[in-house]
Protein backbone atom coordinates (compact mmCIF):
# COMPACT_ATOMS: atom_id res chain seq x y z
CA PHE A 1 35.95 12.25 50.98
CA PHE A 2 32.93 14.85 50.30
CA ASP A 3 30.24 15.03 53.49
CA CYS A 4 27.13 16.76 52.95
CA ARG A 5 26.73 17.19 56.68
CA ASP A 6 29.88 19.69 56.48
CA MET A 7 27.67 22.61 54.78
CA ALA A 8 25.84 25.40 54.98
CA SER A 9 22.68 24.66 53.19
CA GLY A 10 19.00 26.20 52.57
CA SER A 11 16.14 24.51 51.29
CA SER A 12 13.09 26.40 50.64
CA VAL A 13 12.02 27.88 47.51
CA VAL A 14 8.59 28.78 45.93
CA ALA A 15 8.15 30.32 42.37
CA LEU A 16 4.22 31.08 40.97
CA LYS A 17 3.23 32.70 37.92
CA TYR A 18 0.14 34.91 37.91
CA LYS A 19 -1.09 37.27 35.70
CA ASP A 20 1.22 40.17 35.76
CA GLY A 21 4.54 38.46 36.42
CA VAL A 22 6.36 36.30 38.39
CA MET A 23 7.33 35.73 42.22
CA LEU A 24 9.99 34.73 43.94
CA ALA A 25 10.40 33.58 47.51
CA THR A 26 12.93 31.63 49.52
CA ASP A 27 13.72 31.17 53.35
CA THR A 28 16.58 33.15 54.61
CA LEU A 29 17.49 29.82 57.07
CA LEU A 30 21.21 28.53 56.22
CA SER A 31 22.22 25.27 58.17
CA TYR A 32 25.00 23.58 59.11
CA GLY A 33 24.37 20.15 59.67
CA SER A 34 21.71 19.71 61.68
CA LEU A 35 22.51 22.76 63.04
CA ALA A 36 20.26 26.01 62.27
CA ARG A 37 23.46 28.26 62.37
CA TYR A 38 22.94 31.79 60.06
CA PRO A 39 19.53 32.85 59.90
CA SER A 40 19.59 36.01 57.40
CA VAL A 41 20.83 34.91 54.76
CA GLN A 42 19.55 36.07 50.88
CA ARG A 43 19.41 33.43 48.14
CA ILE A 44 17.68 35.29 45.48
CA LYS A 45 20.14 36.93 42.99
CA THR A 46 18.66 39.74 40.65
CA VAL A 47 20.98 39.01 37.19
CA GLY A 48 19.62 42.16 34.80
CA ASP A 49 16.58 44.11 34.47
CA PHE A 50 14.39 41.03 34.18
CA THR A 51 15.24 38.00 35.83
CA ALA A 52 15.95 36.01 38.72
CA ILE A 53 17.61 33.28 40.23
CA ALA A 54 17.07 31.11 43.35
CA ALA A 55 18.47 28.08 44.41
CA SER A 56 18.30 25.43 47.59
CA GLY A 57 21.19 23.59 48.46
CA ASP A 58 25.12 24.28 49.10
CA TYR A 59 25.21 28.04 49.64
CA ALA A 60 28.89 28.43 48.71
CA ASP A 61 28.09 26.82 45.15
CA PHE A 62 24.97 29.48 44.81
CA GLN A 63 27.71 32.27 45.78
CA HIS A 64 29.29 30.52 42.62
CA ILE A 65 26.50 30.62 40.44
CA ALA A 66 25.50 33.99 41.76
CA ALA A 67 29.75 35.32 40.60
CA GLN A 68 29.51 33.96 37.30
CA ALA A 69 25.98 35.45 36.77
CA ASP A 70 27.80 38.90 37.72
CA ASP A 71 30.50 38.17 34.85
CA LEU A 72 27.94 37.51 32.23
CA LEU A 73 26.19 40.79 33.08
CA LEU A 74 29.47 42.52 32.87
CA GLU A 75 30.49 40.84 29.81
CA ASP A 76 27.28 41.69 28.48
CA THR A 77 27.34 45.04 29.32
CA LEU A 78 30.67 45.74 27.26
CA CYS A 79 29.36 44.19 24.22
CA GLU A 80 27.30 47.20 24.10
CA ASP A 81 25.33 45.50 21.34
CA TYR A 82 22.01 47.26 23.22
CA CYS A 83 20.85 43.71 23.56
CA THR A 84 20.75 42.46 27.61
CA VAL A 85 19.94 38.77 28.28
CA GLY A 86 16.85 37.67 29.30
CA PRO A 87 15.09 35.01 31.46
CA LYS A 88 15.77 32.47 28.40
CA GLU A 89 19.51 33.27 27.68
CA VAL A 90 19.98 33.13 31.66
CA TYR A 91 18.03 29.90 31.93
CA ASN A 92 20.29 28.69 29.16
CA TRP A 93 23.36 29.51 30.17
CA LEU A 94 22.74 28.12 34.12
CA THR A 95 22.16 25.07 32.38
CA ARG A 96 25.09 24.76 30.79
CA VAL A 97 26.87 26.09 33.47
CA MET A 98 25.16 22.93 36.08
CA TYR A 99 26.31 20.61 33.10
CA ASN A 100 29.61 21.71 32.18
CA ARG A 101 30.21 21.08 35.92
CA ARG A 102 28.23 17.83 36.40
CA CYS A 103 29.93 16.39 33.14
CA ASN A 104 33.63 17.04 35.50
CA PHE A 105 32.45 15.42 38.42
CA ASN A 106 32.39 18.37 40.27
CA PRO A 107 28.62 19.09 40.15
CA LEU A 108 26.77 22.47 41.66
CA LEU A 109 25.23 21.07 44.79
CA ASN A 110 21.92 23.50 44.06
CA THR A 111 18.23 23.48 42.32
CA ALA A 112 17.36 26.78 41.08
CA ILE A 113 14.53 28.44 39.89
CA VAL A 114 15.49 31.02 37.31
CA VAL A 115 12.62 33.53 36.58
CA GLY A 116 11.68 36.18 34.86
CA TYR A 117 9.59 38.49 32.89
CA ARG A 118 10.29 40.58 29.34
CA ASP A 119 8.20 41.31 26.20
CA GLY A 120 4.55 40.23 27.43
């Protein structure tokens, strides 16, 4: 039996697009049930040079996404093809990861924002 009250979760994520790029902000408070338990937790993950991911929801699932993003970057680096993943590729990768988990009846309990700025 799964109970959403027994997970560390964060809530506020904001992204804004402006003339020269994008801005991403999150709160740093994680709640455990109704208890404000962890006051200064980073919920933004940079992916490469051009992209960042932020998520609300279960923090353990966000850590899983961050670890898989590190694996994606390592795989991309090891290819040595001088092409790097950008915001569009990271977004497409993340949608596939979340869809795969949802189809296996083990969804990632997050709402994610992918932002980036590349090639104008």
